Amino acid sequence: MTVYCVSGLIGVSTLYFCLHFGIYVFALRTLSASRSERFILLYHLVAAVVFSTLVLVAATACTEPSALTTAVGLVFAHGIYSMSFLELWSLAQGSYSITLLLRVMRGGSVPTSQLREELAAIGERKKRNRIAALAGLGLLGRHGDELKLTAPGRLVSQGLKCLLWITNPGETG
């Protein structure tokens, strides 16, 4: 009985991951709302909370001790899936490399100066969008021509500073 419980957790979770990804690819990605970072984050955050709750509750119904271990592993697998999805989505949204390769592919050859201008425009757009997103989340506030951290922004900033200290990535951009 317990082998079926653990393999059932794994099987249903695998089906869930495929379904979650498939819904985005075949239904949501064409909607304009799904092109925002906020939408993607909420799509994965809500799914992760619901999935984690359900898989942990299901594991407690199993009598095999490995069911809880399996459930925790599946929760971590969801974290890896969501972080990978978010990172790939972010890279595809405005990657210099993708833009450069597609532009050269379309034109056969492109003057370097023209590519520099186009890539600079991407950088400016990314900056404007990032500032707007952080302001929309209430992490930044505008005071005249200056940007300042809000109270939640200071809290998030301290958390990120701690993360940078732990990971010690060297130079950051």
N, C-alpha and C. Protein backbone atom coordinates (compact mmCIF):
# COMPACT_ATOMS: atom_id res chain seq x y z
N MET A 1 0.82 -1.21 0.00
CA MET A 1 0.00 0.00 0.00
C MET A 1 0.86 1.26 0.00
N THR A 2 1.91 1.29 0.84
CA THR A 2 2.71 2.51 0.97
C THR A 2 3.54 2.79 -0.28
N VAL A 3 3.98 1.76 -0.97
CA VAL A 3 4.74 1.98 -2.22
C VAL A 3 3.84 2.70 -3.21
N TYR A 4 2.57 2.33 -3.23
CA TYR A 4 1.64 2.99 -4.14
C TYR A 4 1.41 4.43 -3.74
N CYS A 5 1.45 4.71 -2.45
CA CYS A 5 1.25 6.07 -1.97
C CYS A 5 2.41 6.97 -2.43
N VAL A 6 3.64 6.54 -2.21
CA VAL A 6 4.80 7.34 -2.60
C VAL A 6 4.88 7.48 -4.12
N SER A 7 4.71 6.37 -4.84
CA SER A 7 4.76 6.47 -6.30
C SER A 7 3.59 7.29 -6.83
N GLY A 8 2.45 7.24 -6.13
CA GLY A 8 1.31 8.07 -6.51
C GLY A 8 1.61 9.55 -6.34
N LEU A 9 2.27 9.90 -5.22
CA LEU A 9 2.67 11.29 -5.01
C LEU A 9 3.58 11.77 -6.14
N ILE A 10 4.54 10.94 -6.50
CA ILE A 10 5.48 11.30 -7.55
C ILE A 10 4.77 11.39 -8.90
N GLY A 11 3.92 10.42 -9.19
CA GLY A 11 3.20 10.40 -10.47
C GLY A 11 2.27 11.58 -10.63
N VAL A 12 1.47 11.86 -9.60
CA VAL A 12 0.53 12.97 -9.67
C VAL A 12 1.28 14.30 -9.74
N SER A 13 2.39 14.40 -9.03
CA SER A 13 3.18 15.63 -9.06
C SER A 13 3.80 15.85 -10.44
N THR A 14 4.27 14.79 -11.06
CA THR A 14 4.82 14.91 -12.41
C THR A 14 3.75 15.38 -13.38
N LEU A 15 2.57 14.81 -13.26
CA LEU A 15 1.44 15.23 -14.09
C LEU A 15 1.11 16.70 -13.84
N TYR A 16 1.12 17.09 -12.58
CA TYR A 16 0.85 18.49 -12.23
C TYR A 16 1.87 19.43 -12.89
N PHE A 17 3.18 19.10 -12.79
CA PHE A 17 4.21 19.96 -13.39
C PHE A 17 3.98 20.10 -14.90
N CYS A 18 3.67 19.00 -15.56
CA CYS A 18 3.41 19.04 -17.00
C CYS A 18 2.18 19.89 -17.30
N LEU A 19 1.15 19.75 -16.50
CA LEU A 19 -0.09 20.51 -16.69
C LEU A 19 0.15 22.00 -16.44
N HIS A 20 0.85 22.33 -15.37
CA HIS A 20 1.15 23.73 -15.05
C HIS A 20 1.93 24.39 -16.19
N PHE A 21 2.95 23.70 -16.68
CA PHE A 21 3.75 24.23 -17.78
C PHE A 21 2.91 24.32 -19.05
N GLY A 22 2.13 23.28 -19.35
CA GLY A 22 1.30 23.25 -20.54
C GLY A 22 0.25 24.35 -20.56
N ILE A 23 -0.35 24.63 -19.42
CA ILE A 23 -1.35 25.72 -19.35
C ILE A 23 -0.71 27.04 -19.72
N TYR A 24 0.50 27.28 -19.23
CA TYR A 24 1.18 28.52 -19.59
C TYR A 24 1.49 28.56 -21.09
N VAL A 25 2.11 27.49 -21.58
CA VAL A 25 2.56 27.48 -22.98
C VAL A 25 1.39 27.54 -23.96
N PHE A 26 0.34 26.79 -23.71
CA PHE A 26 -0.74 26.68 -24.69
C PHE A 26 -1.92 27.61 -24.45
N ALA A 27 -2.01 28.23 -23.27
CA ALA A 27 -3.17 29.09 -23.02
C ALA A 27 -2.79 30.49 -22.54
N LEU A 28 -1.86 30.59 -21.63
CA LEU A 28 -1.62 31.88 -20.97
C LEU A 28 -0.59 32.77 -21.65
N ARG A 29 0.39 32.20 -22.31
CA ARG A 29 1.50 33.01 -22.82
C ARG A 29 1.09 34.01 -23.89
N THR A 30 -0.06 33.80 -24.53
CA THR A 30 -0.50 34.73 -25.56
C THR A 30 -1.30 35.90 -24.99
N LEU A 31 -1.69 35.82 -23.73
CA LEU A 31 -2.44 36.91 -23.11
C LEU A 31 -1.48 38.05 -22.74
N SER A 32 -1.93 39.27 -22.95
CA SER A 32 -1.05 40.41 -22.66
C SER A 32 -0.71 40.48 -21.16
N ALA A 33 -1.64 40.10 -20.30
CA ALA A 33 -1.38 40.14 -18.86
C ALA A 33 -0.25 39.19 -18.47
N SER A 34 -0.11 38.09 -19.20
CA SER A 34 0.91 37.09 -18.83
C SER A 34 2.32 37.52 -19.22
N ARG A 35 2.44 38.68 -19.82
CA ARG A 35 3.77 39.16 -20.20
C ARG A 35 4.41 40.02 -19.12
N SER A 36 3.72 40.15 -17.99
CA SER A 36 4.29 40.95 -16.90
C SER A 36 4.98 40.04 -15.89
N GLU A 37 6.01 40.58 -15.30
CA GLU A 37 6.77 39.84 -14.29
C GLU A 37 5.88 39.52 -13.10
N ARG A 38 5.01 40.44 -12.76
CA ARG A 38 4.10 40.24 -11.63
C ARG A 38 3.19 39.03 -11.87
N PHE A 39 2.64 38.92 -13.09
CA PHE A 39 1.77 37.79 -13.42
C PHE A 39 2.52 36.47 -13.29
N ILE A 40 3.72 36.41 -13.88
CA ILE A 40 4.51 35.18 -13.86
C ILE A 40 4.85 34.80 -12.42
N LEU A 41 5.24 35.78 -11.63
CA LEU A 41 5.56 35.51 -10.23
C LEU A 41 4.35 34.98 -9.48
N LEU A 42 3.20 35.63 -9.65
CA LEU A 42 1.98 35.17 -8.96
C LEU A 42 1.52 33.81 -9.46
N TYR A 43 1.65 33.56 -10.76
CA TYR A 43 1.28 32.26 -11.33
C TYR A 43 2.07 31.14 -10.65
N HIS A 44 3.34 31.38 -10.43
CA HIS A 44 4.17 30.36 -9.79
C HIS A 44 4.03 30.35 -8.28
N LEU A 45 3.88 31.51 -7.67
CA LEU A 45 3.77 31.58 -6.21
C LEU A 45 2.48 30.92 -5.72
N VAL A 46 1.37 31.26 -6.33
CA VAL A 46 0.09 30.65 -5.92
C VAL A 46 0.12 29.15 -6.15
N ALA A 47 0.63 28.74 -7.31
CA ALA A 47 0.72 27.31 -7.62
C ALA A 47 1.62 26.59 -6.61
N ALA A 48 2.73 27.22 -6.24
CA ALA A 48 3.66 26.59 -5.29
C ALA A 48 3.03 26.42 -3.91
N VAL A 49 2.29 27.43 -3.46
CA VAL A 49 1.64 27.34 -2.15
C VAL A 49 0.57 26.25 -2.16
N VAL A 50 -0.26 26.24 -3.20
CA VAL A 50 -1.32 25.22 -3.29
C VAL A 50 -0.71 23.83 -3.42
N PHE A 51 0.25 23.67 -4.32
CA PHE A 51 0.91 22.38 -4.53
C PHE A 51 1.56 21.89 -3.24
N SER A 52 2.32 22.75 -2.58
CA SER A 52 3.02 22.35 -1.36
C SER A 52 2.05 21.91 -0.28
N THR A 53 0.99 22.66 -0.12
CA THR A 53 -0.02 22.31 0.88
C THR A 53 -0.63 20.95 0.56
N LEU A 54 -1.06 20.75 -0.68
CA LEU A 54 -1.70 19.50 -1.06
C LEU A 54 -0.77 18.30 -0.95
N VAL A 55 0.47 18.44 -1.39
CA VAL A 55 1.39 17.31 -1.38
C VAL A 55 1.78 16.95 0.06
N LEU A 56 1.92 17.95 0.92
CA LEU A 56 2.25 17.67 2.32
C LEU A 56 1.07 17.04 3.06
N VAL A 57 -0.13 17.51 2.78
CA VAL A 57 -1.33 16.90 3.38
C VAL A 57 -1.49 15.47 2.90
N ALA A 58 -1.29 15.24 1.60
CA ALA A 58 -1.40 13.88 1.05
C ALA A 58 -0.35 12.96 1.68
N ALA A 59 0.83 13.47 1.92
CA ALA A 59 1.90 12.65 2.50
C ALA A 59 1.57 12.24 3.93
N THR A 60 0.87 13.10 4.66
CA THR A 60 0.51 12.74 6.04
C THR A 60 -0.53 11.64 6.08
N ALA A 61 -1.26 11.45 4.99
CA ALA A 61 -2.25 10.37 4.93
C ALA A 61 -1.59 9.02 4.68
N CYS A 62 -0.36 9.03 4.20
CA CYS A 62 0.39 7.80 3.96
C CYS A 62 1.01 7.33 5.27
N THR A 63 1.13 6.04 5.43
CA THR A 63 1.73 5.50 6.66
C THR A 63 3.24 5.30 6.54
N GLU A 64 3.76 5.35 5.34
CA GLU A 64 5.20 5.15 5.11
C GLU A 64 5.97 6.42 5.45
N PRO A 65 7.01 6.33 6.28
CA PRO A 65 7.80 7.52 6.63
C PRO A 65 8.43 8.20 5.41
N SER A 66 8.74 7.45 4.38
CA SER A 66 9.35 8.06 3.20
C SER A 66 8.37 8.95 2.43
N ALA A 67 7.10 8.87 2.74
CA ALA A 67 6.12 9.72 2.05
C ALA A 67 6.37 11.19 2.38
N LEU A 68 6.66 11.49 3.63
CA LEU A 68 6.92 12.88 4.00
C LEU A 68 8.22 13.36 3.36
N THR A 69 9.24 12.52 3.36
CA THR A 69 10.50 12.87 2.70
C THR A 69 10.27 13.12 1.21
N THR A 70 9.48 12.27 0.59
CA THR A 70 9.16 12.43 -0.83
C THR A 70 8.42 13.74 -1.06
N ALA A 71 7.46 14.05 -0.19
CA ALA A 71 6.68 15.28 -0.32
C ALA A 71 7.58 16.51 -0.21
N VAL A 72 8.50 16.50 0.74
CA VAL A 72 9.42 17.63 0.89
C VAL A 72 10.29 17.76 -0.36
N GLY A 73 10.74 16.62 -0.89
CA GLY A 73 11.51 16.65 -2.14
C GLY A 73 10.71 17.22 -3.29
N LEU A 74 9.43 16.90 -3.34
CA LEU A 74 8.57 17.42 -4.40
C LEU A 74 8.34 18.93 -4.25
N VAL A 75 8.24 19.38 -3.00
CA VAL A 75 8.12 20.83 -2.76
C VAL A 75 9.39 21.53 -3.25
N PHE A 76 10.55 20.95 -2.96
CA PHE A 76 11.81 21.52 -3.44
C PHE A 76 11.88 21.47 -4.97
N ALA A 77 11.38 20.39 -5.55
CA ALA A 77 11.36 20.28 -7.01
C ALA A 77 10.52 21.40 -7.62
N HIS A 78 9.41 21.74 -6.95
CA HIS A 78 8.59 22.85 -7.43
C HIS A 78 9.37 24.15 -7.36
N GLY A 79 10.13 24.34 -6.30
CA GLY A 79 10.95 25.53 -6.18
C GLY A 79 11.97 25.63 -7.31
N ILE A 80 12.61 24.53 -7.62
CA ILE A 80 13.59 24.52 -8.71
C ILE A 80 12.90 24.79 -10.04
N TYR A 81 11.76 24.15 -10.27
CA TYR A 81 10.98 24.37 -11.50
C TYR A 81 10.59 25.84 -11.64
N SER A 82 10.03 26.41 -10.58
CA SER A 82 9.56 27.80 -10.66
C SER A 82 10.72 28.77 -10.84
N MET A 83 11.80 28.60 -10.10
CA MET A 83 12.94 29.50 -10.23
C MET A 83 13.55 29.40 -11.63
N SER A 84 13.64 28.20 -12.16
CA SER A 84 14.17 28.02 -13.52
C SER A 84 13.27 28.70 -14.54
N PHE A 85 11.96 28.51 -14.39
CA PHE A 85 11.00 29.12 -15.30
C PHE A 85 11.12 30.64 -15.25
N LEU A 86 11.15 31.20 -14.04
CA LEU A 86 11.23 32.65 -13.88
C LEU A 86 12.53 33.20 -14.47
N GLU A 87 13.62 32.49 -14.27
CA GLU A 87 14.90 32.96 -14.81
C GLU A 87 14.91 32.92 -16.34
N LEU A 88 14.42 31.84 -16.91
CA LEU A 88 14.37 31.73 -18.37
C LEU A 88 13.41 32.77 -18.96
N TRP A 89 12.28 32.98 -18.31
CA TRP A 89 11.31 33.97 -18.78
C TRP A 89 11.96 35.36 -18.75
N SER A 90 12.65 35.65 -17.67
CA SER A 90 13.30 36.95 -17.54
C SER A 90 14.37 37.16 -18.61
N LEU A 91 15.16 36.13 -18.86
CA LEU A 91 16.19 36.23 -19.89
C LEU A 91 15.59 36.44 -21.27
N ALA A 92 14.49 35.78 -21.54
CA ALA A 92 13.86 35.89 -22.86
C ALA A 92 13.18 37.24 -23.07
N GLN A 93 12.86 37.94 -21.97
CA GLN A 93 12.16 39.21 -22.08
C GLN A 93 12.99 40.32 -22.68
N GLY A 94 14.27 40.30 -22.53
CA GLY A 94 15.06 41.41 -23.03
C GLY A 94 16.53 41.10 -23.02
N SER A 95 16.86 40.00 -23.58
CA SER A 95 18.26 39.58 -23.57
C SER A 95 19.03 40.29 -24.68
N TYR A 96 20.18 40.80 -24.33
CA TYR A 96 21.05 41.42 -25.32
C TYR A 96 21.48 40.39 -26.36
N SER A 97 21.85 39.21 -25.89
CA SER A 97 22.34 38.17 -26.81
C SER A 97 21.27 37.75 -27.81
N ILE A 98 20.05 37.54 -27.32
CA ILE A 98 18.96 37.13 -28.22
C ILE A 98 18.70 38.23 -29.24
N THR A 99 18.62 39.47 -28.79
CA THR A 99 18.38 40.59 -29.69
C THR A 99 19.48 40.70 -30.74
N LEU A 100 20.72 40.61 -30.29
CA LEU A 100 21.85 40.72 -31.20
C LEU A 100 21.82 39.62 -32.26
N LEU A 101 21.63 38.39 -31.83
CA LEU A 101 21.63 37.26 -32.78
C LEU A 101 20.46 37.34 -33.76
N LEU A 102 19.28 37.68 -33.26
CA LEU A 102 18.12 37.78 -34.15
C LEU A 102 18.29 38.93 -35.15
N ARG A 103 18.83 40.05 -34.67
CA ARG A 103 19.01 41.20 -35.55
C ARG A 103 20.00 40.88 -36.68
N VAL A 104 21.10 40.24 -36.36
CA VAL A 104 22.08 39.87 -37.37
C VAL A 104 21.51 38.80 -38.30
N MET A 105 20.75 37.86 -37.73
CA MET A 105 20.14 36.81 -38.55
C MET A 105 19.18 37.42 -39.58
N ARG A 106 18.37 38.39 -39.15
CA ARG A 106 17.41 39.01 -40.06
C ARG A 106 18.08 39.85 -41.14
N GLY A 107 19.13 40.56 -40.75
CA GLY A 107 19.75 41.48 -41.69
C GLY A 107 20.95 40.92 -42.43
N GLY A 108 21.42 39.76 -42.05
CA GLY A 108 22.62 39.20 -42.68
C GLY A 108 23.88 39.80 -42.08
N SER A 109 23.94 41.12 -42.05
CA SER A 109 25.02 41.82 -41.37
C SER A 109 24.46 43.17 -40.92
N VAL A 110 24.97 43.64 -39.81
CA VAL A 110 24.48 44.89 -39.24
C VAL A 110 25.68 45.67 -38.73
N PRO A 111 25.73 46.98 -39.01
CA PRO A 111 26.84 47.79 -38.49
C PRO A 111 26.89 47.75 -36.97
N THR A 112 28.08 47.65 -36.42
CA THR A 112 28.27 47.58 -34.98
C THR A 112 27.66 48.78 -34.28
N SER A 113 27.78 49.97 -34.86
CA SER A 113 27.24 51.18 -34.24
C SER A 113 25.72 51.08 -34.11
N GLN A 114 25.07 50.51 -35.12
CA GLN A 114 23.62 50.34 -35.07
C GLN A 114 23.23 49.35 -33.98
N LEU A 115 23.99 48.28 -33.84
CA LEU A 115 23.72 47.30 -32.77
C LEU A 115 23.89 47.93 -31.39
N ARG A 116 24.92 48.75 -31.25
CA ARG A 116 25.15 49.42 -29.96
C ARG A 116 23.95 50.29 -29.58
N GLU A 117 23.42 51.03 -30.55
CA GLU A 117 22.25 51.88 -30.29
C GLU A 117 21.04 51.04 -29.88
N GLU A 118 20.80 49.95 -30.61
CA GLU A 118 19.65 49.09 -30.31
C GLU A 118 19.80 48.44 -28.93
N LEU A 119 21.01 48.01 -28.60
CA LEU A 119 21.23 47.37 -27.31
C LEU A 119 21.15 48.39 -26.17
N ALA A 120 21.59 49.62 -26.42
CA ALA A 120 21.46 50.67 -25.41
C ALA A 120 19.98 50.95 -25.14
N ALA A 121 19.16 50.92 -26.20
CA ALA A 121 17.72 51.13 -26.03
C ALA A 121 17.10 50.03 -25.17
N ILE A 122 17.57 48.80 -25.34
CA ILE A 122 17.08 47.69 -24.51
C ILE A 122 17.43 47.96 -23.05
N GLY A 123 18.66 48.39 -22.81
CA GLY A 123 19.08 48.69 -21.44
C GLY A 123 18.23 49.77 -20.80
N GLU A 124 17.94 50.83 -21.55
CA GLU A 124 17.11 51.92 -21.02
C GLU A 124 15.69 51.43 -20.72
N ARG A 125 15.14 50.64 -21.64
CA ARG A 125 13.79 50.09 -21.44
C ARG A 125 13.76 49.18 -20.21
N LYS A 126 14.79 48.34 -20.06
CA LYS A 126 14.85 47.45 -18.90
C LYS A 126 14.92 48.26 -17.60
N LYS A 127 15.70 49.33 -17.60
CA LYS A 127 15.81 50.18 -16.41
C LYS A 127 14.47 50.81 -16.07
N ARG A 128 13.81 51.40 -17.08
CA ARG A 128 12.50 52.03 -16.84
C ARG A 128 11.49 51.01 -16.32
N ASN A 129 11.45 49.82 -16.94
CA ASN A 129 10.51 48.79 -16.51
C ASN A 129 10.81 48.30 -15.11
N ARG A 130 12.09 48.15 -14.78
CA ARG A 130 12.47 47.69 -13.44
C ARG A 130 12.08 48.71 -12.40
N ILE A 131 12.35 49.99 -12.67
CA ILE A 131 11.98 51.04 -11.72
C ILE A 131 10.47 51.09 -11.54
N ALA A 132 9.72 51.00 -12.64
CA ALA A 132 8.26 51.01 -12.56
C ALA A 132 7.75 49.80 -11.77
N ALA A 133 8.36 48.64 -11.99
CA ALA A 133 7.92 47.43 -11.28
C ALA A 133 8.20 47.55 -9.78
N LEU A 134 9.38 48.04 -9.42
CA LEU A 134 9.72 48.18 -8.01
C LEU A 134 8.84 49.24 -7.34
N ALA A 135 8.53 50.31 -8.06
CA ALA A 135 7.62 51.33 -7.53
C ALA A 135 6.22 50.75 -7.39
N GLY A 136 5.79 49.96 -8.39
CA GLY A 136 4.47 49.33 -8.34
C GLY A 136 4.32 48.35 -7.19
N LEU A 137 5.42 47.71 -6.80
CA LEU A 137 5.40 46.79 -5.66
C LEU A 137 5.51 47.53 -4.33
N GLY A 138 5.69 48.85 -4.40
CA GLY A 138 5.80 49.65 -3.18
C GLY A 138 7.17 49.59 -2.54
N LEU A 139 8.19 49.19 -3.30
CA LEU A 139 9.54 49.11 -2.75
C LEU A 139 10.34 50.39 -2.97
N LEU A 140 9.95 51.16 -3.98
CA LEU A 140 10.59 52.44 -4.28
C LEU A 140 9.53 53.53 -4.29
N GLY A 141 9.94 54.73 -3.91
CA GLY A 141 9.07 55.89 -4.00
C GLY A 141 9.82 57.01 -4.71
N ARG A 142 9.08 57.83 -5.42
CA ARG A 142 9.69 58.99 -6.11
C ARG A 142 9.54 60.22 -5.22
N HIS A 143 10.64 60.94 -5.11
CA HIS A 143 10.64 62.21 -4.39
C HIS A 143 11.32 63.21 -5.30
N GLY A 144 10.50 63.92 -6.08
CA GLY A 144 11.04 64.81 -7.09
C GLY A 144 11.71 63.99 -8.18
N ASP A 145 12.98 64.25 -8.38
CA ASP A 145 13.74 63.54 -9.41
C ASP A 145 14.53 62.36 -8.81
N GLU A 146 14.28 62.06 -7.54
CA GLU A 146 15.04 61.01 -6.86
C GLU A 146 14.16 59.81 -6.55
N LEU A 147 14.80 58.67 -6.49
CA LEU A 147 14.14 57.43 -6.05
C LEU A 147 14.63 57.12 -4.64
N LYS A 148 13.71 56.75 -3.78
CA LYS A 148 14.09 56.39 -2.41
C LYS A 148 13.39 55.09 -2.04
N LEU A 149 14.04 54.33 -1.17
CA LEU A 149 13.44 53.09 -0.68
C LEU A 149 12.29 53.42 0.27
N THR A 150 11.22 52.66 0.16
CA THR A 150 10.13 52.74 1.12
C THR A 150 10.49 51.82 2.28
N ALA A 151 9.66 51.77 3.31
CA ALA A 151 9.93 50.86 4.44
C ALA A 151 10.00 49.40 3.97
N PRO A 152 9.03 48.93 3.15
CA PRO A 152 9.16 47.56 2.64
C PRO A 152 10.40 47.40 1.75
N GLY A 153 10.75 48.45 1.02
CA GLY A 153 11.93 48.42 0.17
C GLY A 153 13.20 48.25 0.98
N ARG A 154 13.27 48.92 2.13
CA ARG A 154 14.43 48.78 3.00
C ARG A 154 14.53 47.35 3.54
N LEU A 155 13.39 46.77 3.88
CA LEU A 155 13.37 45.39 4.39
C LEU A 155 13.85 44.41 3.32
N VAL A 156 13.32 44.55 2.11
CA VAL A 156 13.74 43.69 1.00
C VAL A 156 15.21 43.92 0.69
N SER A 157 15.63 45.16 0.71
CA SER A 157 17.03 45.49 0.44
C SER A 157 17.96 44.83 1.44
N GLN A 158 17.58 44.84 2.71
CA GLN A 158 18.40 44.20 3.74
C GLN A 158 18.44 42.68 3.53
N GLY A 159 17.30 42.10 3.12
CA GLY A 159 17.27 40.66 2.84
C GLY A 159 18.17 40.31 1.67
N LEU A 160 18.15 41.14 0.63
CA LEU A 160 19.01 40.90 -0.53
C LEU A 160 20.48 41.10 -0.18
N LYS A 161 20.75 42.09 0.67
CA LYS A 161 22.12 42.31 1.12
C LYS A 161 22.63 41.09 1.88
N CYS A 162 21.78 40.51 2.70
CA CYS A 162 22.13 39.29 3.44
C CYS A 162 22.38 38.14 2.46
N LEU A 163 21.53 38.02 1.46
CA LEU A 163 21.70 36.97 0.45
C LEU A 163 23.02 37.14 -0.30
N LEU A 164 23.35 38.38 -0.64
CA LEU A 164 24.63 38.64 -1.31
C LEU A 164 25.81 38.28 -0.40
N TRP A 165 25.67 38.57 0.89
CA TRP A 165 26.74 38.24 1.83
C TRP A 165 26.91 36.72 1.91
N ILE A 166 25.79 35.98 1.95
CA ILE A 166 25.85 34.52 2.05
C ILE A 166 26.46 33.90 0.79
N THR A 167 26.03 34.37 -0.36
CA THR A 167 26.46 33.76 -1.63
C THR A 167 27.81 34.30 -2.11
N ASN A 168 28.20 35.50 -1.67
CA ASN A 168 29.46 36.12 -2.04
C ASN A 168 29.73 36.04 -3.54
N PRO A 169 28.85 36.63 -4.37
CA PRO A 169 29.00 36.48 -5.83
C PRO A 169 30.11 37.33 -6.44
N GLY A 170 30.74 38.17 -5.65
CA GLY A 170 31.74 39.08 -6.21
C GLY A 170 31.05 40.32 -6.72
N GLU A 171 31.39 40.75 -7.91
CA GLU A 171 30.80 41.96 -8.48
C GLU A 171 29.36 41.68 -8.91
N THR A 172 28.46 42.60 -8.59
CA THR A 172 27.06 42.47 -8.99
C THR A 172 26.69 43.62 -9.90
N GLY A 173 25.66 43.42 -10.70
CA GLY A 173 25.25 44.47 -11.63
C GLY A 173 23.84 44.75 -11.46
